[in-house]
């Protein structure tokens, strides 16, 4: 027996070792998963989509259509701090002498059409008594406000000059994260300035800046004075209106926001045609469907928003909506995000009817509401008016 083991032992051991090496090197031959790390190697070619050395052509196309704004307003101020003392006012009343003071601010705007319509931010022109427009070619003129929309922070101006260089409109719904973007405006009043960056994000909302938010985020430097200026693509086409920055110091920190040109054009056309922005309105306030509420309603893993408030005699109340109803869909679109659903309603023309599916006390109901006209927001009270 020992002779047999001595005779066959070495060949068997050699065969086992060879088999182990083969299994370790080619495990797929015996049905085992491969242990190799599969890496995707780039082809050995020259640079793909090499960027231009200069964006001068894009700037040459867009810059003439971006103008500087200088706004001024009169502010009434007490002639002396003593006049603000309550005891002093007690004897002399409110008929105290006041002195008028001019306040000025800087901003930018974009010439949208040869007819002289301009787009800028509402916060640039709000309360202004005079708006001076300075073109890149050296011309200056006064502008009048056609209308404004505080809910998107946009305003439409009109100037009366000939041979105006209107900007070329791009497609803000066709941009991608990583695309080159150029911001053109009048930062700090130093004069027209161009900065470059990329599109950092799209569809930014819930920032608390406006009621209707769908911002383009860019790291192209945007500073005070850039508000209302143009955000253009690498070809010089307008893709957004610069409106805000995220900053702890007041200067650019690489996070700027622009209103997409698609939204800006919708607002502009509505203001020019109607004098205001026409938006649909249901007259409700909604809140997210939290996990606790979903469990209490028996709606786990189902989208919905909860009706938290109803305006008296509003379209929602007339349609039969009640507090605590869970809206599951509007016109067939799932209602999982309150802001998105209310924006959906805002895009519907007043007097049109919509279908709302709700869950109430465990029962699914289908209601029909006639969309109303959203009332304009109440004007903000300034410090001088208080």
Protein backbone atom coordinates (compact mmCIF):
# COMPACT_ATOMS: atom_id res chain seq x y z
CA UNK A 1 0.00 0.00 0.00
CA UNK A 2 2.77 2.39 0.89
CA UNK A 3 4.41 1.54 -2.40
CA UNK A 4 1.19 2.45 -4.21
CA UNK A 5 0.97 5.79 -2.39
CA UNK A 6 4.63 6.46 -3.12
CA UNK A 7 4.04 5.59 -6.76
CA UNK A 8 0.83 7.64 -7.27
CA UNK A 9 1.28 10.31 -4.54
CA UNK A 10 3.46 12.80 -6.38
CA UNK A 11 1.38 12.77 -9.59
CA UNK A 12 -1.84 13.31 -7.53
CA UNK A 13 -0.32 16.15 -5.52
CA UNK A 14 1.00 17.75 -8.69
CA UNK A 15 -2.43 17.46 -10.33
CA UNK A 16 -4.19 19.05 -7.32
CA UNK A 17 -1.76 21.96 -7.27
CA UNK A 18 -2.21 22.53 -11.02
CA UNK A 19 -6.01 22.40 -10.59
CA UNK A 20 -5.87 24.94 -7.76
CA UNK A 21 -3.77 27.30 -9.87
CA UNK A 22 -6.18 26.98 -12.81
CA UNK A 23 -9.23 27.65 -10.56
CA UNK A 24 -7.51 30.68 -9.04
CA UNK A 25 -6.50 32.08 -12.44
CA UNK A 26 -9.65 31.18 -14.40
CA UNK A 27 -12.52 30.69 -11.90
CA UNK A 28 -15.15 31.19 -14.62
CA UNK A 29 -14.05 27.87 -16.20
CA UNK A 30 -15.57 25.99 -13.27
CA UNK A 31 -18.58 28.29 -12.76
CA UNK A 32 -17.08 30.48 -10.03
CA UNK A 33 -17.29 34.31 -10.18
CA UNK A 34 -14.23 36.05 -11.53
CA UNK A 35 -11.99 37.82 -9.02
CA UNK A 36 -10.54 40.21 -11.59
CA UNK A 37 -11.15 43.98 -11.26
CA UNK A 38 -12.59 45.19 -14.56
CA UNK A 39 -11.46 48.74 -15.29
CA UNK A 40 -12.66 50.87 -18.17
CA UNK A 41 -9.63 52.25 -19.93
CA UNK A 42 -9.97 55.42 -22.01
CA UNK A 43 -8.94 55.05 -25.64
CA UNK A 44 -5.52 56.32 -26.60
CA UNK A 45 -6.72 59.31 -28.61
CA UNK A 46 -6.33 63.05 -28.51
CA UNK A 47 -8.51 65.25 -26.26
CA UNK A 48 -12.25 64.84 -26.75
CA UNK A 49 -14.27 68.03 -27.28
CA UNK A 50 -11.37 70.36 -26.63
CA UNK A 51 -12.69 73.71 -25.34
CA UNK A 52 -12.01 77.02 -27.08
CA UNK A 53 -9.01 79.09 -26.15
CA UNK A 54 -11.19 82.20 -25.89
CA UNK A 55 -14.87 83.09 -25.33
CA UNK A 56 -14.43 86.49 -26.94
CA UNK A 57 -16.92 85.69 -29.72
CA UNK A 58 -19.61 84.80 -27.16
CA UNK A 59 -18.95 87.98 -25.20
CA UNK A 60 -18.96 90.09 -28.37
CA UNK A 61 -22.38 88.68 -29.22
CA UNK A 62 -23.99 89.04 -25.77
CA UNK A 63 -22.30 91.98 -24.03
CA UNK A 64 -23.93 94.84 -26.03
CA UNK A 65 -27.36 93.63 -24.88
CA UNK A 66 -26.44 93.83 -21.16
CA UNK A 67 -26.94 97.30 -19.68
CA UNK A 68 -26.14 99.00 -16.40
CA UNK A 69 -28.97 100.26 -14.20
CA UNK A 70 -28.77 103.19 -11.81
CA UNK A 71 -31.88 103.55 -9.67
CA UNK A 72 -32.71 106.34 -7.25
CA UNK A 73 -35.54 106.89 -4.80
CA UNK A 74 -36.51 109.60 -2.34
CA UNK A 75 -36.57 108.62 1.33
CA UNK A 76 -38.13 110.83 3.99
CA UNK A 77 -35.95 111.11 7.06
CA UNK A 78 -36.37 113.12 10.22
CA UNK A 79 -34.26 116.26 10.33
CA UNK A 80 -32.94 115.41 13.81
CA UNK A 81 -32.90 112.23 15.93
CA UNK A 82 -34.64 114.17 18.72
CA UNK A 83 -37.80 114.25 16.60
CA UNK A 84 -38.04 110.46 16.90
CA UNK A 85 -38.24 110.61 20.69
CA UNK A 86 -41.73 109.49 21.82
CA UNK A 87 -41.92 112.20 24.48
CA UNK A 88 -41.05 114.87 21.94
CA UNK A 89 -43.64 113.56 19.47
CA UNK A 90 -46.20 113.51 22.29
CA UNK A 91 -46.15 117.30 22.42
CA UNK A 92 -45.65 118.13 18.76
CA UNK A 93 -47.51 115.26 17.05
CA UNK A 94 -46.55 113.86 13.66
CA UNK A 95 -46.30 117.22 11.90
CA UNK A 96 -42.56 117.36 12.34
CA UNK A 97 -40.11 118.60 9.71
CA UNK A 98 -38.59 115.91 7.53
CA UNK A 99 -35.75 116.07 5.10
CA UNK A 100 -35.67 114.20 1.82
CA UNK A 101 -32.70 112.01 1.03
CA UNK A 102 -31.83 110.35 -2.27
CA UNK A 103 -30.80 106.71 -2.16
CA UNK A 104 -29.15 105.11 -5.18
CA UNK A 105 -28.44 101.52 -6.07
CA UNK A 106 -26.79 99.62 -8.88
CA UNK A 107 -27.89 96.71 -10.98
CA UNK A 108 -27.98 95.25 -14.48
CA UNK A 109 -30.59 94.40 -17.10
CA UNK A 110 -30.82 92.57 -20.41
CA UNK A 111 -32.25 93.98 -23.65
CA UNK A 112 -34.67 91.27 -24.76
CA UNK A 113 -36.09 92.80 -27.96
CA UNK A 114 -35.28 95.57 -30.46
CA UNK A 115 -38.52 97.27 -29.32
CA UNK A 116 -36.80 98.17 -26.06
CA UNK A 117 -38.14 95.62 -23.55
CA UNK A 118 -35.66 94.83 -20.78
CA UNK A 119 -35.61 92.13 -18.11
CA UNK A 120 -34.10 92.68 -14.68
CA UNK A 121 -34.76 91.75 -11.05
CA UNK A 122 -37.70 93.16 -9.15
CA UNK A 123 -35.51 93.86 -6.13
CA UNK A 124 -33.32 96.12 -8.30
CA UNK A 125 -36.18 98.42 -9.38
CA UNK A 126 -38.66 98.06 -6.50
CA UNK A 127 -39.59 101.47 -5.09
CA UNK A 128 -37.33 103.36 -7.50
CA UNK A 129 -38.40 106.87 -8.48
CA UNK A 130 -35.97 107.01 -11.38
CA UNK A 131 -34.20 104.33 -13.41
CA UNK A 132 -31.27 105.29 -15.63
CA UNK A 133 -30.16 102.79 -18.27
CA UNK A 134 -26.57 102.98 -19.54
CA UNK A 135 -25.79 101.02 -22.70
CA UNK A 136 -22.41 99.59 -23.59
CA UNK A 137 -22.21 101.91 -26.61
CA UNK A 138 -22.31 104.96 -24.32
CA UNK A 139 -25.97 105.94 -24.69
CA UNK A 140 -28.06 106.67 -21.59
CA UNK A 141 -31.81 107.00 -21.17
CA UNK A 142 -34.58 106.74 -18.60
CA UNK A 143 -36.61 103.53 -18.32
CA UNK A 144 -40.18 103.01 -17.20
CA UNK A 145 -41.48 99.94 -15.41
CA UNK A 146 -44.02 97.97 -17.45
CA UNK A 147 -44.69 95.52 -14.64
CA UNK A 148 -43.06 93.36 -12.01
CA UNK A 149 -43.47 89.95 -10.44
CA UNK A 150 -42.12 89.75 -6.87
CA UNK A 151 -42.88 86.02 -6.72
CA UNK A 152 -40.15 85.29 -9.28
CA UNK A 153 -38.17 88.50 -8.58
CA UNK A 154 -38.49 89.71 -12.18
CA UNK A 155 -39.37 93.11 -13.63
CA UNK A 156 -39.95 94.29 -17.20
CA UNK A 157 -38.68 97.73 -18.26
CA UNK A 158 -39.13 99.72 -21.46
CA UNK A 159 -36.77 102.20 -23.10
CA UNK A 160 -37.27 104.22 -26.27
CA UNK A 161 -34.07 104.13 -28.31
CA UNK A 162 -33.33 103.09 -31.87
CA UNK A 163 -31.02 100.31 -33.06
CA UNK A 164 -31.03 98.40 -29.79
CA UNK A 165 -28.84 95.27 -29.63
CA UNK A 166 -31.20 92.52 -28.42
CA UNK A 167 -29.69 89.38 -26.93
CA UNK A 168 -30.01 85.96 -28.57
CA UNK A 169 -32.28 83.65 -26.56
CA UNK A 170 -30.93 80.22 -25.64
CA UNK A 171 -32.64 77.12 -24.25
CA UNK A 172 -32.40 76.84 -20.48
CA UNK A 173 -34.07 73.41 -20.56
CA UNK A 174 -31.24 72.05 -22.69
CA UNK A 175 -28.31 72.87 -20.40
CA UNK A 176 -26.26 70.29 -18.53
CA UNK A 177 -24.25 70.32 -15.34
CA UNK A 178 -20.67 71.05 -16.35
CA UNK A 179 -21.53 73.33 -19.28
CA UNK A 180 -19.51 76.55 -19.45
CA UNK A 181 -21.43 79.66 -18.38
CA UNK A 182 -20.57 83.37 -18.52
CA UNK A 183 -22.05 86.00 -16.19
CA UNK A 184 -22.24 89.54 -17.56
CA UNK A 185 -23.19 92.50 -15.39
CA UNK A 186 -22.09 95.58 -13.46
CA UNK A 187 -20.63 94.33 -10.16
CA UNK A 188 -19.99 97.01 -7.53
CA UNK A 189 -20.55 99.67 -10.18
CA UNK A 190 -17.09 99.22 -11.70
CA UNK A 191 -18.55 98.79 -15.18
CA UNK A 192 -19.53 95.87 -17.36
CA UNK A 193 -17.65 92.75 -16.30
CA UNK A 194 -17.60 89.17 -17.58
CA UNK A 195 -16.88 86.16 -15.35
CA UNK A 196 -16.69 82.50 -16.32
CA UNK A 197 -17.65 79.26 -14.62
CA UNK A 198 -19.76 76.19 -15.18
CA UNK A 199 -23.34 75.14 -14.53
CA UNK A 200 -23.08 73.66 -11.03
CA UNK A 201 -26.69 72.46 -10.68
CA UNK A 202 -30.15 72.93 -12.15
CA UNK A 203 -33.63 72.99 -10.68
CA UNK A 204 -32.54 74.46 -7.34
CA UNK A 205 -35.53 75.30 -5.13
CA UNK A 206 -36.61 75.56 -1.50
CA UNK A 207 -33.96 78.24 -0.96
CA UNK A 208 -36.42 80.74 0.51
CA UNK A 209 -35.56 83.39 -2.07
CA UNK A 210 -38.79 83.47 -4.11
CA UNK A 211 -42.20 81.83 -4.07
CA UNK A 212 -41.49 80.24 -7.43
CA UNK A 213 -37.98 78.83 -7.57
CA UNK A 214 -36.29 76.85 -10.32
CA UNK A 215 -32.79 78.26 -10.24
CA UNK A 216 -29.71 77.53 -12.30
CA UNK A 217 -26.70 77.35 -10.00
CA UNK A 218 -23.34 78.51 -11.32
CA UNK A 219 -19.88 79.19 -9.94
CA UNK A 220 -19.31 82.08 -12.35
CA UNK A 221 -18.57 84.98 -10.01
CA UNK A 222 -21.74 86.97 -9.27
CA UNK A 223 -21.45 90.00 -7.01
CA UNK A 224 -23.68 92.90 -5.88
CA UNK A 225 -24.57 94.83 -9.03
CA UNK A 226 -24.77 91.67 -11.17
CA UNK A 227 -28.44 91.27 -10.26
CA UNK A 228 -30.58 91.39 -13.38
CA UNK A 229 -27.62 90.68 -15.66
CA UNK A 230 -27.20 87.89 -18.16
CA UNK A 231 -26.04 84.32 -17.71
CA UNK A 232 -25.05 83.09 -21.17
CA UNK A 233 -23.70 79.87 -22.60
CA UNK A 234 -20.38 79.40 -24.40
CA UNK A 235 -21.97 80.65 -27.63
CA UNK A 236 -23.31 83.88 -26.11
CA UNK A 237 -26.96 82.80 -25.91
CA UNK A 238 -29.01 83.87 -22.90
CA UNK A 239 -29.86 81.01 -20.55
CA UNK A 240 -30.70 82.88 -17.32
CA UNK A 241 -31.13 86.15 -15.44
CA UNK A 242 -28.66 86.44 -12.55
CA UNK A 243 -30.58 87.07 -9.35
CA UNK A 244 -28.87 86.02 -6.12
CA UNK A 245 -25.73 84.72 -4.45
CA UNK A 246 -25.10 82.54 -1.44
CA UNK A 247 -22.51 84.36 0.61
CA UNK A 248 -21.54 84.98 4.21
CA UNK A 249 -19.29 87.89 3.32
CA UNK A 250 -21.39 89.66 0.68
CA UNK A 251 -18.99 88.71 -2.11
CA UNK A 252 -18.98 85.79 -4.49
CA UNK A 253 -18.22 82.40 -2.93
CA UNK A 254 -18.86 80.33 -6.03
CA UNK A 255 -22.59 79.77 -5.47
CA UNK A 256 -24.75 82.02 -7.62
CA UNK A 257 -28.31 81.58 -8.85
CA UNK A 258 -30.01 82.59 -12.08
CA UNK A 259 -33.64 82.42 -13.18
CA UNK A 260 -33.92 80.16 -16.27
CA UNK A 261 -34.71 82.10 -19.44
CA UNK A 262 -37.70 79.85 -20.14
CA UNK A 263 -39.39 80.98 -16.91
CA UNK A 264 -38.25 84.58 -17.42
CA UNK A 265 -39.80 84.71 -20.91
CA UNK A 266 -43.12 83.35 -19.62
CA UNK A 267 -43.21 86.08 -16.98
CA UNK A 268 -42.18 88.78 -19.45
CA UNK A 269 -44.80 87.86 -22.06
CA UNK A 270 -47.56 87.78 -19.44
CA UNK A 271 -46.56 91.20 -18.07
CA UNK A 272 -46.37 92.76 -21.55
CA UNK A 273 -49.75 91.32 -22.58
CA UNK A 274 -51.71 91.62 -19.32
CA UNK A 275 -49.74 93.99 -17.11
CA UNK A 276 -49.28 91.20 -14.59
CA UNK A 277 -48.45 87.51 -14.40
CA UNK A 278 -51.55 85.33 -14.79
CA UNK A 279 -51.33 82.30 -12.53
CA UNK A 280 -53.75 79.59 -11.54
CA UNK A 281 -54.80 79.33 -7.90
CA UNK A 282 -56.63 76.81 -5.74
CA UNK A 283 -56.64 78.70 -2.46
CA UNK A 284 -55.03 76.04 -0.29
CA UNK A 285 -51.95 75.63 1.87
CA UNK A 286 -50.28 72.22 1.88
CA UNK A 287 -47.69 70.39 3.92
CA UNK A 288 -45.65 67.23 3.22
CA UNK A 289 -47.08 63.83 4.05
CA UNK A 290 -44.73 62.73 6.83
CA UNK A 291 -44.16 59.09 7.70
CA UNK A 292 -46.26 59.43 10.85
CA UNK A 293 -49.17 60.98 8.94
CA UNK A 294 -48.87 58.38 6.19
CA UNK A 295 -49.15 55.58 8.77
CA UNK A 296 -52.17 57.20 10.41
CA UNK A 297 -53.87 57.58 7.02
CA UNK A 298 -52.89 54.09 5.93
CA UNK A 299 -50.94 55.46 2.96
CA UNK A 300 -47.48 53.99 3.40
CA UNK A 301 -45.29 54.20 0.28
CA UNK A 302 -47.85 56.35 -1.54
CA UNK A 303 -47.23 59.96 -2.62
CA UNK A 304 -49.40 62.73 -1.25
CA UNK A 305 -49.60 66.21 0.27
CA UNK A 306 -51.84 67.22 3.16
CA UNK A 307 -54.28 70.15 2.93
CA UNK A 308 -53.27 72.32 5.91
CA UNK A 309 -55.28 75.45 5.10
CA UNK A 310 -58.17 76.51 2.87
CA UNK A 311 -59.07 80.05 1.83
CA UNK A 312 -62.71 80.88 2.41
CA UNK A 313 -64.75 80.95 -0.80
CA UNK A 314 -61.68 79.90 -2.75
CA UNK A 315 -61.68 77.40 -5.65
CA UNK A 316 -60.64 74.51 -3.38
CA UNK A 317 -63.43 75.10 -0.86
CA UNK A 318 -66.01 75.39 -3.64
CA UNK A 319 -64.76 72.08 -5.06
CA UNK A 320 -65.29 70.35 -1.71
CA UNK A 321 -61.73 70.02 -0.40
CA UNK A 322 -61.47 69.84 3.39
CA UNK A 323 -58.74 70.27 5.97
CA UNK A 324 -56.81 67.05 6.43
CA UNK A 325 -57.50 65.75 2.93
CA UNK A 326 -54.51 64.06 1.35
CA UNK A 327 -54.09 65.11 -2.28
CA UNK A 328 -52.68 62.15 -4.20
CA UNK A 329 -52.72 63.55 -7.74
CA UNK A 330 -53.66 66.62 -9.75
CA UNK A 331 -54.76 66.03 -13.34
CA UNK A 332 -53.23 62.57 -13.12
CA UNK A 333 -49.80 63.75 -11.98
CA UNK A 334 -48.69 62.36 -8.58
CA UNK A 335 -48.68 64.99 -5.84
CA UNK A 336 -45.61 64.02 -3.83
CA UNK A 337 -44.07 67.50 -3.58
CA UNK A 338 -46.17 70.43 -2.42
CA UNK A 339 -44.12 73.12 -4.18
CA UNK A 340 -44.08 71.20 -7.46
CA UNK A 341 -47.83 70.59 -7.30
CA UNK A 342 -48.64 74.24 -6.56
CA UNK A 343 -46.39 75.28 -9.45
CA UNK A 344 -48.33 72.86 -11.62
CA UNK A 345 -51.55 74.61 -10.63
CA UNK A 346 -49.98 78.03 -11.24
CA UNK A 347 -49.28 77.10 -14.86
CA UNK A 348 -52.96 76.31 -15.49
CA UNK A 349 -55.05 79.15 -16.89
CA UNK A 350 -57.81 80.52 -14.64
CA UNK A 351 -61.33 79.14 -15.23
CA UNK A 352 -59.95 75.81 -16.44
CA UNK A 353 -61.14 72.70 -14.58
CA UNK A 354 -58.80 70.17 -13.02
CA UNK A 355 -59.28 66.76 -11.42
CA UNK A 356 -57.99 66.25 -7.88
CA UNK A 357 -57.76 62.80 -6.32
CA UNK A 358 -57.82 62.86 -2.51
CA UNK A 359 -57.88 60.40 0.35
CA UNK A 360 -60.37 61.25 3.10
CA UNK A 361 -61.06 58.99 6.09
CA UNK A 362 -59.70 56.00 4.21
CA UNK A 363 -61.86 56.64 1.14
CA UNK A 364 -60.50 57.74 -2.21
CA UNK A 365 -62.46 60.61 -3.77
CA UNK A 366 -62.23 62.40 -7.10
CA UNK A 367 -63.05 66.12 -7.05
CA UNK A 368 -63.28 68.67 -9.86
CA UNK A 369 -62.12 72.24 -9.20
CA UNK A 370 -62.26 75.35 -11.34
CA UNK A 371 -58.89 77.09 -11.13
CA UNK A 372 -59.05 80.72 -10.02
CA UNK A 373 -56.76 83.70 -10.60
CA UNK A 374 -53.98 83.92 -8.04
CA UNK A 375 -54.26 87.27 -6.21
CA UNK A 376 -51.15 89.47 -6.30
CA UNK A 377 -48.93 89.38 -3.20
CA UNK A 378 -49.38 92.15 -0.66
CA UNK A 379 -46.79 94.90 -1.14
CA UNK A 380 -43.97 94.89 1.37
CA UNK A 381 -44.06 97.68 3.92
CA UNK A 382 -40.88 99.72 3.99
CA UNK A 383 -39.32 101.07 7.13
CA UNK A 384 -40.36 104.61 6.17
CA UNK A 385 -44.01 103.57 5.78
CA UNK A 386 -44.30 102.00 9.20
